[in-house]
Amino acid sequence: MNSLRLKLLSGFWILVLVVISACTPFGRRESVSANVIGASSVSEGFRRAESGQTLQFPADFGPHPDFQTEWWYYTGNLMTESGRRFGYQLTFFRRALVPPSAGVKRLSDWSAEQVYMAHFALSDITEDEHYYVERFSRGSAGLAGAAAEPYEIWLEDWRVREEAAGVYALYARQEGLEIDLILQDEKGPILHGQEGYSQKGPDPGNASYYYSQTRLNTSGEIGLNDETFEVVGMSWKDHEYSTNALSPGQVGWDWFSFQLQDGFDLMVFQIRRADGSIDLFSSGSLIGPNGLVNNLRREDFEIQVTDRWRSPDSGVEYPAGWMIVVPRYDLELLVSPSMADQEMDVSYLYWEGAVDVEGQRAGVAIEGQGYVELSGYGASMEGEF
C-alpha cells in the first residue's frame, strides 16, 4: 500500500538468513529456522527517498537494493461464471541485510544480502472461508529475488512474471490452495504523491517511492480443496521502496484501494496517531479512466467508521465499515467488507481483505470493489520500522 506497510521485526528481520523447514495448515505461519548473524537495526549506508527523482520504467518495476525495505503487493476481486466470489492477496517483501556500500564478500552461493517474505491469502467469499500462509527465504541460490527486465518477483514457486508488455503471469500454490492468473494492465504505472515521491512524516527521508498499477484485467484459475474454478475480475498492484521509520506518535494505518464501475480508481490511506487523531501526512490519489492522477491531501477526504468487528481468534477489534467522502470531486462511497473475517495472523497481525463499494459521484450512482488493509489495531506499530 504505502511505505508503512511492512512491520520490520527486530531480532528477526534484521540481518538474518532463513530456511524453510516445514509447512503447517492454512491460517498458521510456516515454521522457520533463523541463523541470526547480526542484531543491529541501523539503516546507515542505505539511500533515503528524496523529492525530485523521476521514476523510470521498466527499471523501477524491479528491485532497489540501495534501499532497506521494498514490497510488491497484488490484491484482487475475482468471480466465476456462476457467481462464486473470491478475493486474493499475493505479496512479496524484501529486506536488505547490509547496504551495497558495505562491500561484504559472499562466501558461497548460499550467502545472502537480502531476506524475502511473502504472504498468500484467498478469501472464499461465497463460502465465508479465509485461507492464508506465510513464507520466508534468503535472496540467494535462486530461492527468492526480483528482476526488472523482464520483470519478475519470486519466492520459490510463488512468482509474478512479465509475459509481454503490460501482461503478467501470477502463480502461487500451497497444499490444496492455488492461483494461476494472467493480469493485463489498462492504465500503466500510476505515480502517487509528487511524481512517485510519497511523504509520510516531517523528518528527512521519512518518505517512499510509490506507484501502483490500479486496473489489471484478470483471468485464470483458482484451485481450492481439489476443485478448480475459472475466474475473471480485476487486480491492483502496489510497489513501494524506502529506508524510513514511523515518526513518533504514529501507531497504525488504514489503506483503501477501489476500482469503480465508471472507470475511476481511488487510493487513500490515513495514518493514525496515539492520541486518536489522523496524521497530516495521510494522502491519496483519484485516478481517472484515462490514467490522469488527482493528488489528495489529508484535508481533501474524510473517512468515517460505520461499523466494527471483533476477531474471535485474536480478540482484536477492527473497523468493519466506512463512509469515504471526497468533497472536491463530489464523491461519496459506502464501503463494507465482502466477508468479516479476513484477518492475517502471521509474523504480525493485520486485517486485509476484499470489500464492496457503493455510492455516488457527481450525483450519479456508482458501485465497485476493492481491498482494505488495517494495521496497528492489535498493538502499536510505533518503533517497529
Foldseek 3Di string as FASTA:
>chain_A
DFPVPDQQFQPAQAQKFKDQDAQDFWQAEGDIDIDHPDGDPDQPQADFDDPDDADDPLQVLWDDLSFFKKKKKKKWWKAFPVGFIKIKIKMKIKGFNDHPVVPDDDPDQQDARIKMKIKIKMQRLVVRDITIYMDIHGPGPPQWGFGRVQTKGDHHPFIWTDPDVQKIWGWDDDDQWIWTKIWGFDAPKAAADRNQWQADDDDPRNTKRKIKRQWIWMWGWIGHNNDIGTITTTMMMMIITGHHAHDPFFFWKKWWWWQKPQQKIKIWMWTAGPVGDTDQSTWIWIAHNNRDTDTGGPVQKDKDQDAWDADPVLRFIDRAWIWMARPVQQWIKTKGFSHDDQWRDYPFTKHKGKIKIWDDTPRHTIIIIIMMIIDRRSHTSHPSD
